[in-house]
Amino acid sequence: MSRTVEGLDQQVSAPVLAAYSYCEAVTGQQARNFAYGIRLLPTDKRNAMSALYAFSRRVDDIGDGTLPPEVKEKRLGETRALLARISAGDIEDDDTDPVAVALTDAARRFPIPLGGLDELIDGVLMDVHEATYETWDDLQAYCRCVAGAIGRLSLGVFGTPSGAQDAARAPEYADTLGLALQLTNILRDVREDADNGRTYLPAEDLAKFGCAEGFHSSTPPPGSDFPGLVHFEVRRARALFAEGYRLLPHLDRRSGACVAAMAGIYRRLLDRIERDPYAVLRGRVSLPGREKAYVAVRGLSGLDARHISRQTARRRP
């Protein structure tokens, strides 16, 4: 049995529809900011993004779980093998794994560079091995695996209009925007990560601001310049956002609205963190629903894309 769904130009079997519904439920439960943004997409792209998220969530959950490192490595290896089958198109519609079914269908419909999910697994293995990051260059390498790759995967779903000026740089902008989102996440979760035994901010930055002891309470290390550290990282994230936002003029209206909404939510989180650096030590900083709605409307209106287009035009010689 198959039927046509609004936004899908090909018929979709009932098992594939069920697989997409499962992935959408996972996305809505586990990633509210992400789910908020992809609501703005047409059905086929929203389905594909949900499938990408559900697979990525599976990888992250293995890395974040309480299993011994050797078991995590084994499960990540099994997930990589499943990805190889998805990439080869070897998953049938009636397979018992809904995430694999949905992602296989999405990869048939869109030119998704599935190798980016291999990079994600590489990044999660860095977490399993308890990697630390001495410099920003070191942290960038990790962020490109776990977030930059997601930006490039998403671009495969969004697509870019043919003949667009500077279109060859769209993957670079998508990658950079992923870095901006990830650095914002790292700042937001600094206390939670510390409680889980993880430190992502570069060691040289922590030392520079007297924060090398880490963040295991609601107060920073004695004698440290914690606000200075946060403001330093906020400036770095803002520079990444400024470069990554140059992706917007390369996207169609609804894809651009999706990206503008997700990125806009994180930029506003960054604003809140900048205004009150100590908030990240007290708990998770978040935005109320009404503010997310405003960001979504602004993205859908195209204001952000037009603003970036004007800025880009002024920079050209």
Foldseek 3Di string as FASTA:
>chain_A
DWDDDWQDPDIDDPLLVVLLVVLLVCCVVPPVLLNLLLVLPTPLLSSLLSLVVSLLVVLVCLLPDDDQLVVSVVVLVVSVVLLVCLVVLVDDSPDPNSSSNSNSVSVVVWVFPSVLVVLLNVLSNCSSVQPEAADPVRLLSSLLNNFLSSLSRSCRSQDFDPPDPPLVCLSVLSSLLRSLLVLLVCLLQQQVQVVVVHHRPHCVLCVVFVQNVGQPALDTPPPGPQLVSLVVSLVVSVVSCLSSLLNLLRGPLSSQLSSQLSSVQSNVSSVVCNVPVSVSSVHGDGDDPVVSVVSSVCSNVCVSVVVSVVVVVVPDD
